[in-house]
Protein backbone atom coordinates (compact mmCIF):
# COMPACT_ATOMS: atom_id res chain seq x y z
CA MET A 1 257.07 147.07 76.38
CA LEU A 2 256.70 147.38 80.14
CA SER A 3 253.41 149.18 79.72
CA GLU A 4 252.08 146.30 77.61
CA LEU A 5 253.21 143.70 80.16
CA LEU A 6 251.47 145.64 82.91
CA ALA A 7 248.33 145.89 80.76
CA LEU A 8 248.32 142.13 80.22
CA GLU A 9 248.80 141.52 83.93
CA GLY A 10 245.84 143.82 84.61
CA ALA A 11 243.67 141.91 82.16
CA LYS A 12 244.39 138.71 84.12
CA SER A 13 243.81 140.27 87.55
CA LYS A 14 240.70 140.95 89.58
CA PRO A 15 239.83 144.27 91.25
CA PRO A 16 241.41 146.12 92.94
CA PHE A 17 244.61 144.83 91.29
CA SER A 18 243.20 145.18 87.78
CA ARG A 19 242.63 148.91 88.37
CA ALA A 20 246.11 149.32 89.84
CA PHE A 21 247.66 147.64 86.82
CA LYS A 22 245.63 149.84 84.46
CA ARG A 23 246.79 152.95 86.27
CA VAL A 24 250.47 151.97 86.32
CA SER A 25 250.37 150.75 82.72
CA ARG A 26 249.16 154.15 81.57
CA ALA A 27 251.63 155.98 83.82
CA ALA A 28 254.61 153.89 82.66
CA ILE A 29 254.35 155.41 79.20
CA LEU A 30 255.25 158.81 80.66
CA TRP A 31 258.03 157.79 83.05
CA PRO A 32 261.19 159.83 82.39
CA GLU A 33 263.44 156.90 83.36
CA GLU A 34 263.19 153.18 82.74
CA ALA A 35 262.31 151.04 85.74
CA VAL A 36 265.50 149.01 85.27
CA GLU A 37 267.57 152.22 85.55
CA LEU A 38 266.00 153.01 88.93
CA SER A 39 266.57 149.45 90.10
CA ASN A 40 270.22 149.53 88.97
CA GLN A 41 270.70 152.72 91.00
CA ASN A 42 269.14 151.00 94.05
CA ARG A 43 266.30 153.51 94.02
CA SER A 44 262.76 152.58 94.92
CA LEU A 45 260.41 151.97 92.00
CA THR A 46 257.67 153.58 94.07
CA GLU A 47 259.24 156.89 93.04
CA ARG A 48 257.35 156.43 89.76
CA ALA A 49 253.73 157.46 89.43
CA ALA A 50 251.18 154.76 90.27
CA VAL A 51 253.73 152.23 91.59
CA GLY A 52 252.93 150.87 95.01
CA PRO A 53 254.70 148.16 97.02
CA TYR A 54 252.85 145.26 95.34
CA ILE A 55 253.65 146.40 91.82
CA GLU A 56 257.21 147.30 92.82
CA LYS A 57 257.79 143.68 93.90
CA LEU A 58 256.42 142.41 90.60
CA LEU A 59 258.56 144.84 88.58
CA LYS A 60 261.68 143.80 90.49
CA ARG A 61 260.89 140.14 89.77
CA TRP A 62 260.50 140.98 86.07
CA ILE A 63 263.80 142.89 86.09
CA ASP A 64 265.64 139.99 87.76
CA SER A 65 263.97 137.33 85.60
CA PRO A 66 262.23 138.83 82.57
CA PRO A 67 258.95 137.18 81.58
CA PRO A 68 258.72 135.65 78.12
CA ILE A 69 257.78 138.34 75.66
CA SER A 70 255.06 137.38 73.26
CA GLU A 71 253.20 139.42 70.73
CA VAL A 72 250.56 141.43 72.56
CA PRO A 73 247.25 141.29 70.73
CA LEU A 74 246.58 144.86 69.59
CA ILE A 75 242.86 144.54 70.25
CA LEU A 76 243.55 143.68 73.90
CA VAL A 77 245.76 146.74 74.31
CA LEU A 78 243.17 149.00 72.65
CA GLN A 79 240.37 147.63 74.81
CA PHE A 80 242.48 147.97 77.93
CA PHE A 81 243.29 151.62 77.32
CA ARG A 82 239.75 152.55 76.29
CA ARG A 83 237.81 150.80 79.03
CA PRO A 84 236.87 153.21 81.84
CA ASP A 85 237.59 152.25 85.46
C-alpha cells in the first residue's frame, strides 16, 4: 500500500519531486522491512533505497497520522510504473 501512496503523491508532484516519488515507489516494493518497523526501532528511513530527507519526513508524517486510504485507480498505477523518467 505504501508504494501506491507514494505513486499517487508522485502523480500530484512536479519535477524533481515527481521523479523522486517514482523512484521510491518502485523501490518500496523491494524493501525487506516495512517503513513503520524502522520507525518503531528509531532507525532512519533513509536506510531504505531511494529515501532522502524530504521523503523520510513525509513517511514519518504518514506513520504518525496515516492518510485516508482510498481505492487507487489501477490505470493510474499502471501508467505511473510504465512511464519512463
